[in-house]
Amino acid sequence: QVQLVESGGGLVQAGGSLRLSCLASGRTFSNYPMGWFRQAPGKEREFVAAISRSGTSTYYTNSVKGRFTISRDNAKNTVYLQMNSLKPEDTAIYYCAAPYSSTYSTPRTGPGYHYWGQGTQVTVSS
């Protein structure tokens, strides 16, 4: 059974940094692209970043480009989200996600993903 467990969230001041981690288990990690999403209070879940199976291709929503970096370590079954220059509007619960099937494309919308972690809270104070 596929399991995704996020960690690394917390409270940080504006301009600060956090690194989120997502540990995957239950299948061959390197066969699947991975994504990060977030949901702020009262808002719909939104795409943040995604990374291809090998890690050579990455994708970001416009609001985080240049500030966030997604990466993966296939030997450790872990995907990361390095978040720099954090802003109060980045406050949300962050989720990592994995698709149901092995695919060479990298989904950038929620329906492209089937497995979700429990989420980790990121709060950025002004």
N, C-alpha and C. Protein backbone atom coordinates (compact mmCIF):
# COMPACT_ATOMS: atom_id res chain seq x y z
N GLN A 1 0.84 -1.19 0.00
CA GLN A 1 0.00 0.00 0.00
C GLN A 1 0.88 1.25 0.00
N VAL A 2 0.56 2.18 -0.87
CA VAL A 2 1.35 3.40 -0.98
C VAL A 2 1.07 4.31 0.22
N GLN A 3 2.13 4.79 0.82
CA GLN A 3 1.99 5.76 1.91
C GLN A 3 2.92 6.93 1.65
N LEU A 4 2.42 8.12 1.94
CA LEU A 4 3.20 9.35 1.80
C LEU A 4 3.14 10.08 3.14
N VAL A 5 4.30 10.43 3.68
CA VAL A 5 4.35 11.08 4.97
C VAL A 5 5.19 12.35 4.85
N GLU A 6 4.52 13.49 5.04
CA GLU A 6 5.21 14.78 4.97
C GLU A 6 5.76 15.18 6.33
N SER A 7 6.79 15.99 6.29
CA SER A 7 7.35 16.57 7.51
C SER A 7 8.06 17.86 7.13
N GLY A 8 8.39 18.65 8.16
CA GLY A 8 9.18 19.85 7.94
C GLY A 8 8.42 21.16 8.01
N GLY A 9 7.11 21.09 8.18
CA GLY A 9 6.36 22.32 8.29
C GLY A 9 6.62 23.02 9.62
N GLY A 10 6.08 24.24 9.76
CA GLY A 10 6.25 24.98 10.99
C GLY A 10 5.90 26.43 10.82
N LEU A 11 6.28 27.21 11.82
CA LEU A 11 6.04 28.65 11.84
C LEU A 11 7.34 29.37 11.51
N VAL A 12 7.28 30.29 10.57
CA VAL A 12 8.48 31.03 10.17
C VAL A 12 8.09 32.46 9.86
N GLN A 13 9.01 33.37 10.05
CA GLN A 13 8.75 34.77 9.72
C GLN A 13 8.88 34.98 8.21
N ALA A 14 8.21 36.00 7.73
CA ALA A 14 8.32 36.35 6.32
C ALA A 14 9.78 36.56 5.94
N GLY A 15 10.15 36.03 4.78
CA GLY A 15 11.53 36.09 4.34
C GLY A 15 12.35 34.88 4.73
N GLY A 16 11.79 34.06 5.60
CA GLY A 16 12.50 32.88 6.07
C GLY A 16 12.38 31.70 5.12
N SER A 17 12.92 30.56 5.56
CA SER A 17 12.96 29.36 4.73
C SER A 17 12.49 28.15 5.52
N LEU A 18 11.96 27.19 4.79
CA LEU A 18 11.62 25.88 5.33
C LEU A 18 11.90 24.85 4.25
N ARG A 19 12.21 23.62 4.66
CA ARG A 19 12.32 22.51 3.72
C ARG A 19 11.35 21.41 4.12
N LEU A 20 10.43 21.13 3.23
CA LEU A 20 9.49 20.05 3.45
C LEU A 20 10.05 18.76 2.86
N SER A 21 9.73 17.65 3.50
CA SER A 21 10.12 16.33 3.01
C SER A 21 8.88 15.46 2.91
N CYS A 22 8.91 14.54 1.98
CA CYS A 22 7.82 13.58 1.84
C CYS A 22 8.44 12.21 1.60
N LEU A 23 8.26 11.32 2.55
CA LEU A 23 8.80 9.96 2.47
C LEU A 23 7.72 9.05 1.91
N ALA A 24 8.06 8.36 0.82
CA ALA A 24 7.11 7.47 0.17
C ALA A 24 7.48 6.01 0.44
N SER A 25 6.46 5.17 0.52
CA SER A 25 6.69 3.74 0.70
C SER A 25 5.59 2.97 -0.01
N GLY A 26 5.85 1.69 -0.24
CA GLY A 26 4.82 0.82 -0.80
C GLY A 26 5.00 0.44 -2.25
N ARG A 27 5.93 1.11 -2.95
CA ARG A 27 6.19 0.73 -4.34
C ARG A 27 7.51 1.37 -4.77
N THR A 28 7.93 1.11 -6.00
CA THR A 28 9.21 1.63 -6.48
C THR A 28 9.10 3.13 -6.75
N PHE A 29 9.68 3.89 -5.87
CA PHE A 29 9.53 5.36 -5.86
C PHE A 29 9.97 5.98 -7.18
N SER A 30 11.06 5.51 -7.74
CA SER A 30 11.65 6.14 -8.92
C SER A 30 10.81 5.96 -10.18
N ASN A 31 9.76 5.16 -10.14
CA ASN A 31 8.91 4.94 -11.31
C ASN A 31 7.80 5.97 -11.45
N TYR A 32 7.70 6.90 -10.50
CA TYR A 32 6.56 7.80 -10.47
C TYR A 32 6.99 9.25 -10.30
N PRO A 33 6.36 10.16 -11.06
CA PRO A 33 6.55 11.59 -10.77
C PRO A 33 5.89 11.91 -9.43
N MET A 34 6.25 13.05 -8.87
CA MET A 34 5.70 13.46 -7.58
C MET A 34 5.29 14.93 -7.65
N GLY A 35 4.34 15.28 -6.81
CA GLY A 35 3.89 16.67 -6.80
C GLY A 35 3.69 17.20 -5.38
N TRP A 36 3.72 18.50 -5.27
CA TRP A 36 3.37 19.21 -4.03
C TRP A 36 2.18 20.12 -4.32
N PHE A 37 1.22 20.11 -3.41
CA PHE A 37 0.06 20.97 -3.48
C PHE A 37 -0.09 21.67 -2.14
N ARG A 38 -0.93 22.69 -2.11
CA ARG A 38 -1.21 23.37 -0.84
C ARG A 38 -2.66 23.83 -0.82
N GLN A 39 -3.16 23.97 0.40
CA GLN A 39 -4.52 24.46 0.59
C GLN A 39 -4.54 25.44 1.75
N ALA A 40 -4.89 26.67 1.44
CA ALA A 40 -5.01 27.70 2.46
C ALA A 40 -6.44 27.72 2.99
N PRO A 41 -6.64 28.25 4.19
CA PRO A 41 -7.99 28.29 4.77
C PRO A 41 -8.98 29.00 3.85
N GLY A 42 -10.10 28.35 3.59
CA GLY A 42 -11.13 28.95 2.76
C GLY A 42 -10.85 28.94 1.28
N LYS A 43 -9.77 28.31 0.87
CA LYS A 43 -9.41 28.28 -0.54
C LYS A 43 -9.34 26.83 -1.04
N GLU A 44 -9.38 26.69 -2.35
CA GLU A 44 -9.24 25.37 -2.93
C GLU A 44 -7.77 24.96 -2.95
N ARG A 45 -7.58 23.65 -3.00
CA ARG A 45 -6.22 23.13 -3.12
C ARG A 45 -5.62 23.58 -4.44
N GLU A 46 -4.34 23.95 -4.41
CA GLU A 46 -3.69 24.41 -5.63
C GLU A 46 -2.35 23.71 -5.82
N PHE A 47 -1.99 23.57 -7.08
CA PHE A 47 -0.71 22.99 -7.46
C PHE A 47 0.42 23.93 -7.06
N VAL A 48 1.51 23.36 -6.55
CA VAL A 48 2.68 24.15 -6.20
C VAL A 48 3.87 23.78 -7.10
N ALA A 49 4.20 22.49 -7.13
CA ALA A 49 5.38 22.06 -7.89
C ALA A 49 5.26 20.57 -8.20
N ALA A 50 5.98 20.15 -9.23
CA ALA A 50 6.02 18.73 -9.58
C ALA A 50 7.39 18.40 -10.15
N ILE A 51 7.73 17.12 -10.06
CA ILE A 51 9.04 16.68 -10.54
C ILE A 51 8.89 15.36 -11.26
N SER A 52 9.64 15.19 -12.32
CA SER A 52 9.57 13.98 -13.10
C SER A 52 10.20 12.80 -12.37
N ARG A 53 10.05 11.61 -12.94
CA ARG A 53 10.55 10.40 -12.29
C ARG A 53 12.03 10.47 -11.99
N SER A 54 12.79 10.97 -12.93
CA SER A 54 14.24 11.02 -12.75
C SER A 54 14.70 12.26 -12.02
N GLY A 55 13.82 13.26 -11.95
CA GLY A 55 14.18 14.52 -11.33
C GLY A 55 14.74 15.54 -12.29
N THR A 56 14.84 15.19 -13.56
CA THR A 56 15.44 16.12 -14.52
C THR A 56 14.50 17.23 -14.96
N SER A 57 13.20 17.02 -14.79
CA SER A 57 12.22 18.05 -15.17
C SER A 57 11.42 18.48 -13.95
N THR A 58 11.29 19.79 -13.77
CA THR A 58 10.52 20.33 -12.66
C THR A 58 9.56 21.39 -13.17
N TYR A 59 8.47 21.57 -12.44
CA TYR A 59 7.41 22.48 -12.83
C TYR A 59 6.93 23.22 -11.59
N TYR A 60 6.56 24.50 -11.77
CA TYR A 60 6.14 25.32 -10.64
C TYR A 60 4.96 26.19 -11.02
N THR A 61 4.12 26.49 -10.04
CA THR A 61 3.13 27.51 -10.25
C THR A 61 3.84 28.86 -10.24
N ASN A 62 3.29 29.82 -10.94
CA ASN A 62 3.98 31.10 -11.13
C ASN A 62 4.33 31.79 -9.82
N SER A 63 3.46 31.68 -8.84
CA SER A 63 3.65 32.44 -7.60
C SER A 63 4.85 31.97 -6.78
N VAL A 64 5.39 30.79 -7.07
CA VAL A 64 6.53 30.29 -6.28
C VAL A 64 7.81 30.18 -7.10
N LYS A 65 7.74 30.46 -8.38
CA LYS A 65 8.94 30.37 -9.23
C LYS A 65 10.03 31.30 -8.72
N GLY A 66 11.23 30.76 -8.64
CA GLY A 66 12.36 31.55 -8.14
C GLY A 66 12.51 31.53 -6.63
N ARG A 67 11.49 31.03 -5.92
CA ARG A 67 11.56 30.96 -4.46
C ARG A 67 11.56 29.53 -3.94
N PHE A 68 10.82 28.66 -4.61
CA PHE A 68 10.70 27.25 -4.18
C PHE A 68 11.48 26.36 -5.14
N THR A 69 12.02 25.27 -4.61
CA THR A 69 12.72 24.28 -5.42
C THR A 69 12.26 22.88 -5.03
N ILE A 70 11.78 22.13 -6.00
CA ILE A 70 11.41 20.74 -5.76
C ILE A 70 12.57 19.85 -6.18
N SER A 71 12.83 18.82 -5.40
CA SER A 71 13.89 17.87 -5.74
C SER A 71 13.51 16.51 -5.19
N ARG A 72 14.25 15.49 -5.58
CA ARG A 72 13.97 14.15 -5.08
C ARG A 72 15.26 13.37 -4.94
N ASP A 73 15.24 12.45 -4.00
CA ASP A 73 16.33 11.50 -3.81
C ASP A 73 15.72 10.11 -3.94
N ASN A 74 15.90 9.50 -5.09
CA ASN A 74 15.25 8.21 -5.32
C ASN A 74 15.85 7.10 -4.45
N ALA A 75 17.06 7.27 -4.02
CA ALA A 75 17.67 6.28 -3.13
C ALA A 75 17.04 6.31 -1.74
N LYS A 76 16.49 7.47 -1.39
CA LYS A 76 15.88 7.64 -0.07
C LYS A 76 14.35 7.67 -0.14
N ASN A 77 13.80 7.45 -1.34
CA ASN A 77 12.33 7.46 -1.51
C ASN A 77 11.71 8.75 -0.99
N THR A 78 12.37 9.86 -1.22
CA THR A 78 11.94 11.12 -0.63
C THR A 78 11.92 12.24 -1.68
N VAL A 79 10.88 13.05 -1.62
CA VAL A 79 10.80 14.26 -2.41
C VAL A 79 10.81 15.45 -1.45
N TYR A 80 11.46 16.52 -1.88
CA TYR A 80 11.64 17.69 -1.04
C TYR A 80 11.02 18.93 -1.69
N LEU A 81 10.68 19.89 -0.84
CA LEU A 81 10.29 21.20 -1.32
C LEU A 81 11.03 22.23 -0.48
N GLN A 82 12.05 22.83 -1.07
CA GLN A 82 12.79 23.90 -0.41
C GLN A 82 12.07 25.21 -0.67
N MET A 83 11.69 25.88 0.38
CA MET A 83 10.91 27.12 0.27
C MET A 83 11.71 28.27 0.86
N ASN A 84 12.08 29.21 0.02
CA ASN A 84 12.84 30.38 0.45
C ASN A 84 12.01 31.64 0.26
N SER A 85 12.44 32.71 0.88
CA SER A 85 11.75 34.01 0.75
C SER A 85 10.25 33.85 0.98
N LEU A 86 9.90 33.16 2.03
CA LEU A 86 8.49 32.86 2.29
C LEU A 86 7.69 34.12 2.56
N LYS A 87 6.45 34.09 2.13
CA LYS A 87 5.53 35.21 2.28
C LYS A 87 4.31 34.75 3.08
N PRO A 88 3.62 35.68 3.73
CA PRO A 88 2.40 35.29 4.46
C PRO A 88 1.39 34.55 3.59
N GLU A 89 1.33 34.87 2.31
CA GLU A 89 0.38 34.20 1.42
C GLU A 89 0.79 32.77 1.10
N ASP A 90 1.96 32.33 1.54
CA ASP A 90 2.35 30.93 1.40
C ASP A 90 1.78 30.07 2.52
N THR A 91 1.16 30.70 3.50
CA THR A 91 0.57 29.96 4.61
C THR A 91 -0.50 29.00 4.10
N ALA A 92 -0.35 27.72 4.44
CA ALA A 92 -1.27 26.69 3.96
C ALA A 92 -0.85 25.35 4.54
N ILE A 93 -1.70 24.37 4.34
CA ILE A 93 -1.30 22.98 4.56
C ILE A 93 -0.72 22.48 3.24
N TYR A 94 0.47 21.91 3.31
CA TYR A 94 1.16 21.42 2.12
C TYR A 94 1.06 19.90 2.07
N TYR A 95 0.71 19.40 0.89
CA TYR A 95 0.54 17.96 0.67
C TYR A 95 1.46 17.49 -0.45
N CYS A 96 2.05 16.32 -0.25
CA CYS A 96 2.71 15.70 -1.39
C CYS A 96 1.75 14.68 -1.98
N ALA A 97 1.97 14.36 -3.24
CA ALA A 97 1.05 13.50 -3.96
C ALA A 97 1.78 12.66 -4.99
N ALA A 98 1.19 11.50 -5.28
CA ALA A 98 1.77 10.59 -6.26
C ALA A 98 0.65 10.05 -7.15
N PRO A 99 0.93 9.82 -8.42
CA PRO A 99 -0.10 9.29 -9.31
C PRO A 99 -0.34 7.80 -9.07
N TYR A 100 -1.46 7.33 -9.61
CA TYR A 100 -1.82 5.92 -9.45
C TYR A 100 -0.92 5.03 -10.29
N SER A 101 -0.70 5.45 -11.55
CA SER A 101 0.06 4.63 -12.47
C SER A 101 1.41 5.25 -12.78
N SER A 102 2.34 4.38 -13.13
CA SER A 102 3.63 4.85 -13.58
C SER A 102 3.45 5.60 -14.91
N THR A 103 4.04 6.78 -15.02
CA THR A 103 3.85 7.59 -16.22
C THR A 103 5.09 8.41 -16.48
N TYR A 104 5.39 8.60 -17.78
CA TYR A 104 6.53 9.43 -18.15
C TYR A 104 6.16 10.91 -18.17
N SER A 105 4.88 11.22 -18.16
CA SER A 105 4.48 12.62 -18.05
C SER A 105 4.41 13.00 -16.58
N THR A 106 4.43 14.29 -16.31
CA THR A 106 4.40 14.78 -14.93
C THR A 106 3.13 15.60 -14.73
N PRO A 107 2.16 15.06 -14.03
CA PRO A 107 0.89 15.79 -13.85
C PRO A 107 1.09 17.10 -13.09
N ARG A 108 0.32 18.09 -13.46
CA ARG A 108 0.37 19.39 -12.79
C ARG A 108 -1.00 19.85 -12.32
N THR A 109 -1.92 18.91 -12.19
CA THR A 109 -3.23 19.20 -11.62
C THR A 109 -3.61 18.08 -10.66
N GLY A 110 -4.53 18.40 -9.76
CA GLY A 110 -4.94 17.43 -8.76
C GLY A 110 -5.44 16.10 -9.30
N PRO A 111 -6.28 16.10 -10.33
CA PRO A 111 -6.79 14.82 -10.87
C PRO A 111 -5.70 13.89 -11.39
N GLY A 112 -4.52 14.41 -11.61
CA GLY A 112 -3.42 13.57 -12.07
C GLY A 112 -2.79 12.75 -10.96
N TYR A 113 -3.24 12.99 -9.74
CA TYR A 113 -2.66 12.33 -8.58
C TYR A 113 -3.71 11.51 -7.85
N HIS A 114 -3.25 10.40 -7.28
CA HIS A 114 -4.18 9.49 -6.61
C HIS A 114 -3.87 9.34 -5.14
N TYR A 115 -2.61 9.34 -4.79
CA TYR A 115 -2.20 9.15 -3.40
C TYR A 115 -1.78 10.49 -2.81
N TRP A 116 -2.20 10.72 -1.57
CA TRP A 116 -1.94 12.00 -0.91
C TRP A 116 -1.43 11.75 0.50
N GLY A 117 -0.51 12.60 0.95
CA GLY A 117 -0.08 12.53 2.32
C GLY A 117 -1.08 13.21 3.24
N GLN A 118 -0.77 13.22 4.52
CA GLN A 118 -1.69 13.80 5.51
C GLN A 118 -1.55 15.31 5.59
N GLY A 119 -0.47 15.85 5.02
CA GLY A 119 -0.27 17.28 5.01
C GLY A 119 0.59 17.76 6.16
N THR A 120 1.26 18.88 5.93
CA THR A 120 2.05 19.52 6.98
C THR A 120 1.78 21.02 6.92
N GLN A 121 1.56 21.61 8.09
CA GLN A 121 1.17 23.02 8.16
C GLN A 121 2.38 23.93 8.03
N VAL A 122 2.26 24.91 7.15
CA VAL A 122 3.27 25.96 7.01
C VAL A 122 2.58 27.29 7.32
N THR A 123 3.11 28.00 8.29
CA THR A 123 2.56 29.30 8.68
C THR A 123 3.65 30.34 8.59
N VAL A 124 3.40 31.38 7.82
CA VAL A 124 4.38 32.46 7.63
C VAL A 124 3.81 33.73 8.25
N SER A 125 4.50 34.23 9.25
CA SER A 125 4.03 35.44 9.93
C SER A 125 4.65 36.68 9.29
N SER A 126 3.89 37.78 9.34
CA SER A 126 4.37 39.02 8.73
C SER A 126 5.14 39.88 9.73
